[in-house]
N, C-alpha and C. Protein backbone atom coordinates (compact mmCIF):
# COMPACT_ATOMS: atom_id res chain seq x y z
N MET A 1 0.83 -1.19 0.00
CA MET A 1 0.00 0.00 0.00
C MET A 1 0.88 1.26 0.00
N ALA A 2 0.22 2.38 -0.03
CA ALA A 2 0.92 3.67 -0.16
C ALA A 2 1.39 4.22 1.18
N ARG A 3 2.44 5.04 1.12
CA ARG A 3 2.87 5.82 2.28
C ARG A 3 2.11 7.14 2.22
N VAL A 4 1.51 7.52 3.35
CA VAL A 4 0.73 8.74 3.45
C VAL A 4 1.29 9.58 4.59
N PHE A 5 1.47 10.86 4.34
CA PHE A 5 1.96 11.81 5.34
C PHE A 5 0.79 12.65 5.82
N ILE A 6 0.61 12.71 7.14
CA ILE A 6 -0.52 13.46 7.71
C ILE A 6 0.00 14.53 8.65
N THR A 7 -0.21 15.79 8.29
CA THR A 7 0.15 16.88 9.20
C THR A 7 -0.92 17.00 10.27
N GLY A 8 -0.51 17.50 11.43
CA GLY A 8 -1.47 17.70 12.51
C GLY A 8 -2.11 16.41 12.98
N SER A 9 -1.33 15.33 13.01
CA SER A 9 -1.91 14.02 13.33
C SER A 9 -1.68 13.59 14.77
N ALA A 10 -1.33 14.52 15.65
CA ALA A 10 -1.13 14.18 17.05
C ALA A 10 -2.45 13.92 17.77
N ASP A 11 -3.54 14.46 17.23
CA ASP A 11 -4.85 14.22 17.83
C ASP A 11 -5.95 14.61 16.83
N GLY A 12 -7.17 14.51 17.26
CA GLY A 12 -8.31 14.97 16.46
C GLY A 12 -8.48 14.28 15.12
N LEU A 13 -8.88 15.06 14.12
CA LEU A 13 -9.17 14.51 12.79
C LEU A 13 -7.94 13.88 12.14
N GLY A 14 -6.78 14.46 12.34
CA GLY A 14 -5.56 13.88 11.79
C GLY A 14 -5.29 12.50 12.35
N GLN A 15 -5.52 12.33 13.64
CA GLN A 15 -5.33 11.03 14.27
C GLN A 15 -6.36 10.03 13.75
N LEU A 16 -7.60 10.46 13.60
CA LEU A 16 -8.64 9.58 13.06
C LEU A 16 -8.30 9.14 11.63
N ALA A 17 -7.80 10.08 10.83
CA ALA A 17 -7.40 9.74 9.46
C ALA A 17 -6.26 8.72 9.48
N ALA A 18 -5.30 8.92 10.36
CA ALA A 18 -4.18 7.98 10.47
C ALA A 18 -4.67 6.59 10.83
N ASP A 19 -5.54 6.49 11.82
CA ASP A 19 -6.08 5.19 12.22
C ASP A 19 -6.79 4.51 11.06
N ALA A 20 -7.60 5.26 10.31
CA ALA A 20 -8.35 4.69 9.20
C ALA A 20 -7.42 4.20 8.09
N LEU A 21 -6.41 4.99 7.76
CA LEU A 21 -5.48 4.61 6.70
C LEU A 21 -4.63 3.41 7.09
N ILE A 22 -4.20 3.34 8.34
CA ILE A 22 -3.44 2.19 8.82
C ILE A 22 -4.30 0.94 8.76
N ALA A 23 -5.56 1.07 9.14
CA ALA A 23 -6.48 -0.08 9.11
C ALA A 23 -6.66 -0.60 7.68
N GLN A 24 -6.48 0.27 6.69
CA GLN A 24 -6.59 -0.14 5.29
C GLN A 24 -5.27 -0.67 4.74
N GLY A 25 -4.22 -0.66 5.57
CA GLY A 25 -2.95 -1.22 5.17
C GLY A 25 -1.91 -0.23 4.68
N HIS A 26 -2.18 1.05 4.80
CA HIS A 26 -1.22 2.06 4.35
C HIS A 26 -0.13 2.29 5.40
N LYS A 27 1.03 2.74 4.94
CA LYS A 27 2.10 3.20 5.83
C LYS A 27 1.80 4.67 6.11
N VAL A 28 1.75 5.03 7.38
CA VAL A 28 1.39 6.39 7.75
C VAL A 28 2.53 7.06 8.49
N VAL A 29 2.90 8.25 8.02
CA VAL A 29 3.89 9.09 8.68
C VAL A 29 3.14 10.21 9.38
N LEU A 30 3.27 10.26 10.69
CA LEU A 30 2.59 11.27 11.49
C LEU A 30 3.42 12.55 11.57
N HIS A 31 2.75 13.63 11.92
CA HIS A 31 3.42 14.91 12.14
C HIS A 31 2.91 15.50 13.45
N ALA A 32 3.80 16.11 14.19
CA ALA A 32 3.44 16.86 15.39
C ALA A 32 4.33 18.09 15.46
N ARG A 33 3.88 19.09 16.20
CA ARG A 33 4.63 20.35 16.22
C ARG A 33 5.89 20.29 17.09
N ASN A 34 5.96 19.32 18.01
CA ASN A 34 7.16 19.20 18.84
C ASN A 34 7.36 17.74 19.26
N GLU A 35 8.51 17.47 19.86
CA GLU A 35 8.88 16.11 20.24
C GLU A 35 7.89 15.48 21.21
N LYS A 36 7.45 16.22 22.20
CA LYS A 36 6.51 15.70 23.20
C LYS A 36 5.22 15.23 22.53
N ARG A 37 4.65 16.09 21.68
CA ARG A 37 3.41 15.72 20.99
C ARG A 37 3.66 14.58 19.99
N GLY A 38 4.86 14.52 19.44
CA GLY A 38 5.18 13.43 18.54
C GLY A 38 5.18 12.08 19.24
N LEU A 39 5.79 12.02 20.42
CA LEU A 39 5.79 10.78 21.19
C LEU A 39 4.38 10.39 21.61
N GLU A 40 3.58 11.38 21.98
CA GLU A 40 2.18 11.11 22.32
C GLU A 40 1.42 10.57 21.11
N ALA A 41 1.68 11.13 19.95
CA ALA A 41 1.02 10.67 18.73
C ALA A 41 1.36 9.21 18.43
N LEU A 42 2.63 8.85 18.57
CA LEU A 42 3.02 7.46 18.34
C LEU A 42 2.35 6.51 19.33
N ASP A 43 2.16 6.96 20.57
CA ASP A 43 1.45 6.14 21.55
C ASP A 43 -0.01 5.95 21.16
N LYS A 44 -0.63 7.00 20.62
CA LYS A 44 -2.05 6.95 20.25
C LYS A 44 -2.29 6.20 18.95
N VAL A 45 -1.28 6.17 18.08
CA VAL A 45 -1.41 5.53 16.77
C VAL A 45 -0.25 4.53 16.62
N PRO A 46 -0.35 3.40 17.30
CA PRO A 46 0.79 2.47 17.35
C PRO A 46 1.18 1.86 16.01
N GLY A 47 0.32 1.85 15.03
CA GLY A 47 0.66 1.27 13.73
C GLY A 47 1.36 2.22 12.79
N ALA A 48 1.61 3.46 13.23
CA ALA A 48 2.26 4.45 12.37
C ALA A 48 3.70 4.05 12.08
N GLU A 49 4.16 4.40 10.89
CA GLU A 49 5.54 4.10 10.49
C GLU A 49 6.53 4.91 11.33
N THR A 50 6.28 6.20 11.46
CA THR A 50 7.14 7.09 12.24
C THR A 50 6.41 8.41 12.45
N VAL A 51 7.07 9.30 13.18
CA VAL A 51 6.55 10.66 13.35
C VAL A 51 7.68 11.65 13.07
N VAL A 52 7.35 12.73 12.42
CA VAL A 52 8.30 13.82 12.19
C VAL A 52 7.74 15.06 12.87
N THR A 53 8.64 15.90 13.35
CA THR A 53 8.19 17.08 14.11
C THR A 53 8.66 18.36 13.45
N ALA A 54 7.78 19.36 13.52
CA ALA A 54 8.11 20.70 13.04
C ALA A 54 6.96 21.63 13.38
N ASP A 55 7.29 22.86 13.68
CA ASP A 55 6.30 23.91 13.88
C ASP A 55 6.06 24.55 12.52
N LEU A 56 4.88 24.30 11.95
CA LEU A 56 4.59 24.77 10.59
C LEU A 56 4.41 26.27 10.49
N SER A 57 4.44 26.97 11.61
CA SER A 57 4.40 28.44 11.54
C SER A 57 5.78 29.01 11.21
N SER A 58 6.79 28.14 11.21
CA SER A 58 8.16 28.54 10.87
C SER A 58 8.52 28.03 9.48
N VAL A 59 8.89 28.92 8.59
CA VAL A 59 9.27 28.52 7.23
C VAL A 59 10.47 27.58 7.27
N ASP A 60 11.47 27.91 8.09
CA ASP A 60 12.67 27.07 8.16
C ASP A 60 12.34 25.66 8.65
N GLU A 61 11.51 25.55 9.69
CA GLU A 61 11.13 24.23 10.20
C GLU A 61 10.31 23.47 9.17
N THR A 62 9.47 24.16 8.44
CA THR A 62 8.66 23.52 7.41
C THR A 62 9.55 22.96 6.31
N LYS A 63 10.58 23.69 5.92
CA LYS A 63 11.52 23.19 4.91
C LYS A 63 12.26 21.96 5.42
N ARG A 64 12.68 21.99 6.69
CA ARG A 64 13.36 20.82 7.26
C ARG A 64 12.41 19.62 7.32
N LEU A 65 11.16 19.89 7.63
CA LEU A 65 10.15 18.82 7.67
C LEU A 65 10.04 18.15 6.30
N ALA A 66 9.97 18.96 5.26
CA ALA A 66 9.87 18.41 3.90
C ALA A 66 11.06 17.51 3.59
N SER A 67 12.24 17.92 3.99
CA SER A 67 13.44 17.10 3.76
C SER A 67 13.36 15.78 4.52
N LYS A 68 12.89 15.83 5.77
CA LYS A 68 12.76 14.60 6.57
C LYS A 68 11.78 13.63 5.92
N VAL A 69 10.65 14.15 5.47
CA VAL A 69 9.64 13.29 4.86
C VAL A 69 10.15 12.72 3.54
N ASN A 70 10.78 13.54 2.73
CA ASN A 70 11.32 13.07 1.46
C ASN A 70 12.37 11.98 1.66
N ALA A 71 13.13 12.06 2.73
CA ALA A 71 14.17 11.07 3.01
C ALA A 71 13.59 9.69 3.34
N LEU A 72 12.33 9.63 3.71
CA LEU A 72 11.69 8.36 4.05
C LEU A 72 11.38 7.51 2.83
N GLY A 73 11.31 8.16 1.67
CA GLY A 73 10.96 7.44 0.45
C GLY A 73 9.70 8.04 -0.16
N PRO A 74 9.21 7.42 -1.22
CA PRO A 74 8.04 7.98 -1.91
C PRO A 74 6.81 8.12 -1.01
N VAL A 75 6.16 9.25 -1.12
CA VAL A 75 4.90 9.50 -0.42
C VAL A 75 3.83 9.61 -1.50
N ARG A 76 2.82 8.78 -1.40
CA ARG A 76 1.78 8.74 -2.44
C ARG A 76 0.57 9.59 -2.10
N GLY A 77 0.50 10.08 -0.87
CA GLY A 77 -0.63 10.93 -0.51
C GLY A 77 -0.32 11.73 0.73
N SER A 78 -1.08 12.78 0.92
CA SER A 78 -0.92 13.58 2.14
C SER A 78 -2.28 14.09 2.59
N VAL A 79 -2.40 14.25 3.89
CA VAL A 79 -3.58 14.83 4.50
C VAL A 79 -3.09 16.03 5.27
N LYS A 80 -3.61 17.19 4.96
CA LYS A 80 -3.20 18.40 5.65
C LYS A 80 -4.27 18.75 6.67
N ASP A 81 -3.93 18.54 7.94
CA ASP A 81 -4.87 18.81 9.02
C ASP A 81 -4.19 19.67 10.07
N PHE A 82 -4.02 20.93 9.76
CA PHE A 82 -3.45 21.88 10.71
C PHE A 82 -4.11 23.23 10.49
N VAL A 83 -4.05 24.04 11.51
CA VAL A 83 -4.67 25.37 11.41
C VAL A 83 -3.59 26.41 11.51
């Protein structure tokens, strides 16, 4: 199945999307704004491939996030769930 990257997946709709996609057999890469929320996200979504962290209000952190995700390999879909 496909690798899917979900921003804002530490809780709420992003977490629900991650659970649904994992249940369908997809590899899911979670996103959280900081390390603490990232670890919490992995606890809440145990089937996730990994979690990457970045504060998307920072252009520099967003660029680093893109590099981290790209380094994981091909991403076939993304869910953008952040405000």
